[in-house]
C-alpha atoms as a PDB file:
ATOM      1  CA  UNK A   1       0.000   0.000   0.000  1.00  0.00           C
ATOM      2  CA  UNK A   2       2.814   2.392   0.921  1.00  0.00           C
ATOM      3  CA  UNK A   3       4.498   1.652  -2.405  1.00  0.00           C
ATOM      4  CA  UNK A   4       1.297   2.535  -4.280  1.00  0.00           C
ATOM      5  CA  UNK A   5       0.947   5.811  -2.363  1.00  0.00           C
ATOM      6  CA  UNK A   6       4.587   6.675  -3.064  1.00  0.00           C
ATOM      7  CA  UNK A   7       4.142   5.877  -6.754  1.00  0.00           C
ATOM      8  CA  UNK A   8       1.078   8.125  -6.965  1.00  0.00           C
ATOM      9  CA  UNK A   9       2.956  10.933  -5.219  1.00  0.00           C
ATOM     10  CA  UNK A  10       5.884  10.599  -7.628  1.00  0.00           C
ATOM     11  CA  UNK A  11       3.530  10.717 -10.608  1.00  0.00           C
ATOM     12  CA  UNK A  12       1.720  13.789  -9.267  1.00  0.00           C
ATOM     13  CA  UNK A  13       5.001  15.615  -8.645  1.00  0.00           C
ATOM     14  CA  UNK A  14       6.325  14.589 -12.080  1.00  0.00           C
ATOM     15  CA  UNK A  15       3.165  15.843 -13.821  1.00  0.00           C
ATOM     16  CA  UNK A  16       3.252  19.126 -11.909  1.00  0.00           C
ATOM     17  CA  UNK A  17       6.930  19.607 -12.784  1.00  0.00           C
ATOM     18  CA  UNK A  18       6.261  18.819 -16.458  1.00  0.00           C
ATOM     19  CA  UNK A  19       3.385  21.309 -16.608  1.00  0.00           C
ATOM     20  CA  UNK A  20       5.442  24.011 -14.892  1.00  0.00           C
ATOM     21  CA  UNK A  21       8.409  23.456 -17.231  1.00  0.00           C
ATOM     22  CA  UNK A  22       6.141  23.450 -20.285  1.00  0.00           C
ATOM     23  CA  UNK A  23       4.424  26.665 -19.195  1.00  0.00           C
ATOM     24  CA  UNK A  24       7.797  28.319 -18.577  1.00  0.00           C
ATOM     25  CA  UNK A  25       9.109  27.234 -21.994  1.00  0.00           C
ATOM     26  CA  UNK A  26       6.059  28.614 -23.809  1.00  0.00           C
ATOM     27  CA  UNK A  27       6.125  31.836 -21.812  1.00  0.00           C
ATOM     28  CA  UNK A  28       9.775  32.367 -22.772  1.00  0.00           C
ATOM     29  CA  UNK A  29       8.661  32.507 -26.419  1.00  0.00           C
ATOM     30  CA  UNK A  30       5.769  34.906 -25.886  1.00  0.00           C
ATOM     31  CA  UNK A  31       5.885  38.664 -26.060  1.00  0.00           C
ATOM     32  CA  UNK A  32       4.029  40.262 -23.141  1.00  0.00           C
ATOM     33  CA  UNK A  33       3.075  43.793 -24.281  1.00  0.00           C
ATOM     34  CA  UNK A  34       0.800  46.034 -22.257  1.00  0.00           C
ATOM     35  CA  UNK A  35      -1.394  46.491 -25.325  1.00  0.00           C
ATOM     36  CA  UNK A  36      -1.831  44.092 -28.241  1.00  0.00           C
ATOM     37  CA  UNK A  37      -3.858  44.767 -31.380  1.00  0.00           C
ATOM     38  CA  UNK A  38      -4.500  42.389 -34.254  1.00  0.00           C
ATOM     39  CA  UNK A  39      -6.882  40.762 -36.722  1.00  0.00           C
ATOM     40  CA  UNK A  40      -8.785  37.492 -36.465  1.00  0.00           C
ATOM     41  CA  UNK A  41     -10.648  35.040 -38.674  1.00  0.00           C
ATOM     42  CA  UNK A  42     -13.050  32.610 -37.044  1.00  0.00           C
ATOM     43  CA  UNK A  43     -14.656  29.437 -38.394  1.00  0.00           C
ATOM     44  CA  UNK A  44     -17.312  27.692 -36.327  1.00  0.00           C
ATOM     45  CA  UNK A  45     -18.439  24.200 -37.248  1.00  0.00           C
ATOM     46  CA  UNK A  46     -21.810  23.460 -35.699  1.00  0.00           C
ATOM     47  CA  UNK A  47     -22.527  19.778 -35.221  1.00  0.00           C
ATOM     48  CA  UNK A  48     -25.023  18.540 -37.800  1.00  0.00           C
ATOM     49  CA  UNK A  49     -24.295  21.323 -40.323  1.00  0.00           C
ATOM     50  CA  UNK A  50     -21.867  20.988 -43.236  1.00  0.00           C
ATOM     51  CA  UNK A  51     -21.275  24.709 -43.790  1.00  0.00           C
ATOM     52  CA  UNK A  52     -19.037  26.587 -41.392  1.00  0.00           C
ATOM     53  CA  UNK A  53     -20.010  29.935 -39.903  1.00  0.00           C
ATOM     54  CA  UNK A  54     -17.274  32.382 -40.874  1.00  0.00           C
ATOM     55  CA  UNK A  55     -16.477  35.770 -39.365  1.00  0.00           C
ATOM     56  CA  UNK A  56     -13.564  38.174 -39.215  1.00  0.00           C
ATOM     57  CA  UNK A  57     -12.588  41.352 -37.461  1.00  0.00           C
ATOM     58  CA  UNK A  58     -10.034  42.838 -35.099  1.00  0.00           C
ATOM     59  CA  UNK A  59      -9.221  42.588 -31.409  1.00  0.00           C
ATOM     60  CA  UNK A  60      -7.565  44.557 -28.654  1.00  0.00           C
ATOM     61  CA  UNK A  61      -6.033  43.075 -25.508  1.00  0.00           C
ATOM     62  CA  UNK A  62      -5.173  45.584 -22.780  1.00  0.00           C
ATOM     63  CA  UNK A  63      -3.403  44.254 -19.713  1.00  0.00           C
ATOM     64  CA  UNK A  64      -5.410  44.973 -16.539  1.00  0.00           C
ATOM     65  CA  UNK A  65      -8.338  46.336 -18.597  1.00  0.00           C
ATOM     66  CA  UNK A  66      -9.692  43.474 -20.673  1.00  0.00           C
ATOM     67  CA  UNK A  67     -10.444  42.450 -24.254  1.00  0.00           C
ATOM     68  CA  UNK A  68     -12.417  44.129 -27.039  1.00  0.00           C
ATOM     69  CA  UNK A  69     -13.450  41.782 -29.861  1.00  0.00           C
ATOM     70  CA  UNK A  70     -14.849  43.648 -32.906  1.00  0.00           C
ATOM     71  CA  UNK A  71     -16.488  41.601 -35.644  1.00  0.00           C
ATOM     72  CA  UNK A  72     -16.668  43.310 -39.057  1.00  0.00           C
ATOM     73  CA  UNK A  73     -18.003  40.473 -41.235  1.00  0.00           C
ATOM     74  CA  UNK A  74     -20.610  39.110 -41.828  1.00  0.00           C
ATOM     75  CA  UNK A  75     -22.230  41.464 -39.293  1.00  0.00           C
ATOM     76  CA  UNK A  76     -20.707  44.278 -37.294  1.00  0.00           C
ATOM     77  CA  UNK A  77     -20.651  43.789 -33.554  1.00  0.00           C
ATOM     78  CA  UNK A  78     -18.490  44.365 -30.495  1.00  0.00           C
ATOM     79  CA  UNK A  79     -17.862  42.069 -27.542  1.00  0.00           C
ATOM     80  CA  UNK A  80     -16.191  43.666 -24.529  1.00  0.00           C
ATOM     81  CA  UNK A  81     -14.780  41.578 -21.695  1.00  0.00           C
ATOM     82  CA  UNK A  82     -13.595  43.286 -18.521  1.00  0.00           C
ATOM     83  CA  UNK A  83     -12.990  41.916 -15.011  1.00  0.00           C
ATOM     84  CA  UNK A  84     -16.516  43.029 -14.042  1.00  0.00           C
ATOM     85  CA  UNK A  85     -18.710  42.287 -17.050  1.00  0.00           C
ATOM     86  CA  UNK A  86     -19.279  41.019 -20.562  1.00  0.00           C
ATOM     87  CA  UNK A  87     -21.074  43.405 -22.910  1.00  0.00           C
ATOM     88  CA  UNK A  88     -22.124  42.726 -26.507  1.00  0.00           C
ATOM     89  CA  UNK A  89     -23.275  45.594 -28.730  1.00  0.00           C
ATOM     90  CA  UNK A  90     -24.550  45.917 -32.282  1.00  0.00           C
ATOM     91  CA  UNK A  91     -24.405  49.468 -33.536  1.00  0.00           C
ATOM     92  CA  UNK A  92     -25.476  51.577 -30.563  1.00  0.00           C
ATOM     93  CA  UNK A  93     -27.696  48.897 -29.092  1.00  0.00           C
ATOM     94  CA  UNK A  94     -26.622  46.630 -26.239  1.00  0.00           C
ATOM     95  CA  UNK A  95     -27.424  43.039 -27.220  1.00  0.00           C
ATOM     96  CA  UNK A  96     -26.671  41.711 -23.737  1.00  0.00           C
ATOM     97  CA  UNK A  97     -24.794  42.582 -20.568  1.00  0.00           C
ATOM     98  CA  UNK A  98     -23.606  40.060 -17.978  1.00  0.00           C
ATOM     99  CA  UNK A  99     -22.246  41.278 -14.659  1.00  0.00           C
ATOM    100  CA  UNK A 100     -19.761  39.372 -12.515  1.00  0.00           C
ATOM    101  CA  UNK A 101     -21.703  40.468  -9.435  1.00  0.00           C
ATOM    102  CA  UNK A 102     -24.787  38.522 -10.545  1.00  0.00           C
ATOM    103  CA  UNK A 103     -23.177  35.889 -12.803  1.00  0.00           C
ATOM    104  CA  UNK A 104     -20.136  34.307 -11.081  1.00  0.00           C
ATOM    105  CA  UNK A 105     -19.079  32.561 -14.289  1.00  0.00           C
ATOM    106  CA  UNK A 106     -18.445  35.931 -15.975  1.00  0.00           C
ATOM    107  CA  UNK A 107     -15.160  36.502 -14.162  1.00  0.00           C
ATOM    108  CA  UNK A 108     -14.058  32.939 -14.973  1.00  0.00           C
ATOM    109  CA  UNK A 109     -14.888  33.328 -18.676  1.00  0.00           C
ATOM    110  CA  UNK A 110     -13.147  36.696 -18.822  1.00  0.00           C
ATOM    111  CA  UNK A 111      -9.984  35.349 -17.219  1.00  0.00           C
ATOM    112  CA  UNK A 112     -10.024  32.430 -19.652  1.00  0.00           C
ATOM    113  CA  UNK A 113     -10.438  34.606 -22.754  1.00  0.00           C
ATOM    114  CA  UNK A 114      -7.822  37.092 -21.606  1.00  0.00           C
ATOM    115  CA  UNK A 115      -5.399  34.280 -20.857  1.00  0.00           C
ATOM    116  CA  UNK A 116      -6.008  32.654 -24.252  1.00  0.00           C
ATOM    117  CA  UNK A 117      -5.561  35.851 -26.252  1.00  0.00           C
ATOM    118  CA  UNK A 118      -2.637  37.082 -24.192  1.00  0.00           C
ATOM    119  CA  UNK A 119      -0.946  33.697 -23.940  1.00  0.00           C
ATOM    120  CA  UNK A 120      -0.958  33.773 -20.141  1.00  0.00           C
ATOM    121  CA  UNK A 121       0.132  30.155 -19.716  1.00  0.00           C
ATOM    122  CA  UNK A 122       0.392  30.291 -15.921  1.00  0.00           C
ATOM    123  CA  UNK A 123      -3.254  31.334 -15.610  1.00  0.00           C
ATOM    124  CA  UNK A 124      -4.311  28.646 -18.079  1.00  0.00           C
ATOM    125  CA  UNK A 125      -2.508  26.039 -16.006  1.00  0.00           C
ATOM    126  CA  UNK A 126      -4.777  26.847 -13.069  1.00  0.00           C
ATOM    127  CA  UNK A 127      -7.870  25.760 -15.007  1.00  0.00           C
ATOM    128  CA  UNK A 128      -6.491  23.173 -17.451  1.00  0.00           C
ATOM    129  CA  UNK A 129      -4.177  20.188 -17.605  1.00  0.00           C
ATOM    130  CA  UNK A 130      -1.431  21.157 -20.050  1.00  0.00           C
ATOM    131  CA  UNK A 131       0.484  19.095 -22.580  1.00  0.00           C
ATOM    132  CA  UNK A 132       2.356  20.115 -25.700  1.00  0.00           C
ATOM    133  CA  UNK A 133       5.643  20.722 -27.469  1.00  0.00           C
ATOM    134  CA  UNK A 134       8.084  23.601 -27.739  1.00  0.00           C
ATOM    135  CA  UNK A 135      10.861  24.082 -30.261  1.00  0.00           C
ATOM    136  CA  UNK A 136      13.167  26.944 -31.178  1.00  0.00           C
ATOM    137  CA  UNK A 137      10.635  29.019 -33.133  1.00  0.00           C
ATOM    138  CA  UNK A 138       7.173  27.746 -32.235  1.00  0.00           C
ATOM    139  CA  UNK A 139       5.079  25.967 -29.617  1.00  0.00           C
ATOM    140  CA  UNK A 140       1.778  24.133 -29.274  1.00  0.00           C
ATOM    141  CA  UNK A 141      -0.396  23.341 -26.275  1.00  0.00           C
ATOM    142  CA  UNK A 142      -3.345  21.075 -25.593  1.00  0.00           C
ATOM    143  CA  UNK A 143      -5.581  22.107 -22.705  1.00  0.00           C
ATOM    144  CA  UNK A 144      -8.040  19.749 -21.010  1.00  0.00           C
ATOM    145  CA  UNK A 145     -10.362  21.241 -18.357  1.00  0.00           C
ATOM    146  CA  UNK A 146      -9.662  20.300 -14.756  1.00  0.00           C
ATOM    147  CA  UNK A 147     -13.011  21.473 -13.410  1.00  0.00           C
ATOM    148  CA  UNK A 148     -16.379  19.909 -14.176  1.00  0.00           C
ATOM    149  CA  UNK A 149     -17.914  23.341 -14.841  1.00  0.00           C
ATOM    150  CA  UNK A 150     -15.478  23.940 -17.706  1.00  0.00           C
ATOM    151  CA  UNK A 151     -15.743  20.351 -18.952  1.00  0.00           C
ATOM    152  CA  UNK A 152     -19.462  20.904 -19.529  1.00  0.00           C
ATOM    153  CA  UNK A 153     -18.543  23.628 -22.024  1.00  0.00           C
ATOM    154  CA  UNK A 154     -15.157  22.638 -23.448  1.00  0.00           C
ATOM    155  CA  UNK A 155     -13.758  19.194 -24.219  1.00  0.00           C
ATOM    156  CA  UNK A 156     -10.307  20.533 -25.103  1.00  0.00           C
ATOM    157  CA  UNK A 157      -8.494  23.581 -26.437  1.00  0.00           C
ATOM    158  CA  UNK A 158      -5.490  23.617 -28.752  1.00  0.00           C
ATOM    159  CA  UNK A 159      -3.167  26.629 -28.918  1.00  0.00           C
ATOM    160  CA  UNK A 160      -0.288  27.277 -31.271  1.00  0.00           C
ATOM    161  CA  UNK A 161       2.041  30.161 -31.965  1.00  0.00           C
ATOM    162  CA  UNK A 162       5.449  31.763 -31.770  1.00  0.00           C
ATOM    163  CA  UNK A 163       5.938  35.173 -30.176  1.00  0.00           C
ATOM    164  CA  UNK A 164       2.144  35.456 -30.191  1.00  0.00           C
ATOM    165  CA  UNK A 165      -0.810  33.107 -30.110  1.00  0.00           C
ATOM    166  CA  UNK A 166      -1.538  32.420 -33.788  1.00  0.00           C
ATOM    167  CA  UNK A 167      -4.273  29.792 -33.577  1.00  0.00           C
ATOM    168  CA  UNK A 168      -6.894  28.592 -31.120  1.00  0.00           C
ATOM    169  CA  UNK A 169      -9.034  25.497 -31.700  1.00  0.00           C
ATOM    170  CA  UNK A 170     -11.847  24.889 -29.229  1.00  0.00           C
ATOM    171  CA  UNK A 171     -13.632  21.544 -29.203  1.00  0.00           C
ATOM    172  CA  UNK A 172     -16.858  22.154 -27.337  1.00  0.00           C
ATOM    173  CA  UNK A 173     -18.543  19.530 -25.212  1.00  0.00           C
ATOM    174  CA  UNK A 174     -21.642  19.627 -27.438  1.00  0.00           C
ATOM    175  CA  UNK A 175     -19.624  18.623 -30.522  1.00  0.00           C
ATOM    176  CA  UNK A 176     -19.235  22.092 -32.037  1.00  0.00           C
ATOM    177  CA  UNK A 177     -15.755  23.260 -33.028  1.00  0.00           C
ATOM    178  CA  UNK A 178     -14.372  26.782 -33.297  1.00  0.00           C
ATOM    179  CA  UNK A 179     -11.083  27.630 -35.020  1.00  0.00           C
ATOM    180  CA  UNK A 180      -9.651  31.144 -34.659  1.00  0.00           C
ATOM    181  CA  UNK A 181      -6.608  32.351 -36.592  1.00  0.00           C
ATOM    182  CA  UNK A 182      -4.765  35.526 -35.601  1.00  0.00           C
ATOM    183  CA  UNK A 183      -2.528  37.716 -37.714  1.00  0.00           C
ATOM    184  CA  UNK A 184      -1.168  41.236 -37.899  1.00  0.00           C
ATOM    185  CA  UNK A 185      -0.438  41.394 -34.177  1.00  0.00           C
ATOM    186  CA  UNK A 186       0.876  44.837 -33.222  1.00  0.00           C
ATOM    187  CA  UNK A 187       2.281  45.200 -29.708  1.00  0.00           C
ATOM    188  CA  UNK A 188       2.345  48.539 -27.919  1.00  0.00           C
ATOM    189  CA  UNK A 189       4.410  48.758 -24.739  1.00  0.00           C
ATOM    190  CA  UNK A 190       2.858  52.074 -23.784  1.00  0.00           C
ATOM    191  CA  UNK A 191      -0.865  52.689 -23.571  1.00  0.00           C
ATOM    192  CA  UNK A 192      -4.260  52.769 -25.259  1.00  0.00           C
ATOM    193  CA  UNK A 193      -5.359  55.598 -27.508  1.00  0.00           C
ATOM    194  CA  UNK A 194      -8.035  57.917 -26.099  1.00  0.00           C
ATOM    195  CA  UNK A 195     -10.667  56.221 -28.272  1.00  0.00           C
ATOM    196  CA  UNK A 196      -9.614  52.727 -27.150  1.00  0.00           C
ATOM    197  CA  UNK A 197      -9.616  53.749 -23.485  1.00  0.00           C
ATOM    198  CA  UNK A 198     -13.198  54.919 -23.961  1.00  0.00           C
ATOM    199  CA  UNK A 199     -14.189  51.420 -25.123  1.00  0.00           C
ATOM    200  CA  UNK A 200     -13.584  50.155 -21.601  1.00  0.00           C
ATOM    201  CA  UNK A 201     -15.663  52.863 -19.877  1.00  0.00           C
END
């Protein structure tokens, strides 16, 4: 019995060490600007439908402030994620608003999205079991949810990139699949423009 317990402890420590080393290796590749702007293309495959749902637009990640996700095609819309809320707008109309004070999952979702877009591997390791590979120029990660609440939404997430996250593939628990490609990333070590700062008000 003692041998079994010792074996389990060794395996747990080995897995934790592997995950920590992997996270550190990926982080060493990633740029960590205060502000990151870029473009995205998204393809969503809904289970039971042959045709993918395609969209494209631009995004802004501001450390400590949140994420603004602006879809241009096929329909214009803005999704804002901050530590306190998620707000979706179309034109000047608010499509929906979810507050962290009334919806506890909002803060979890926001941390997840920020971590994914910003490549915050340490934060991802708190919610997911990590595996992957790292070489001189690129890296890839596979994330499997640790918590049942996440597992009800996501089966697994694949990330790939170099100095930035270039691709995210999300296999949802319901069988849907979303693939997001990023390009044109433009880091800014300084601050937001006045217009961008207003987006977070």
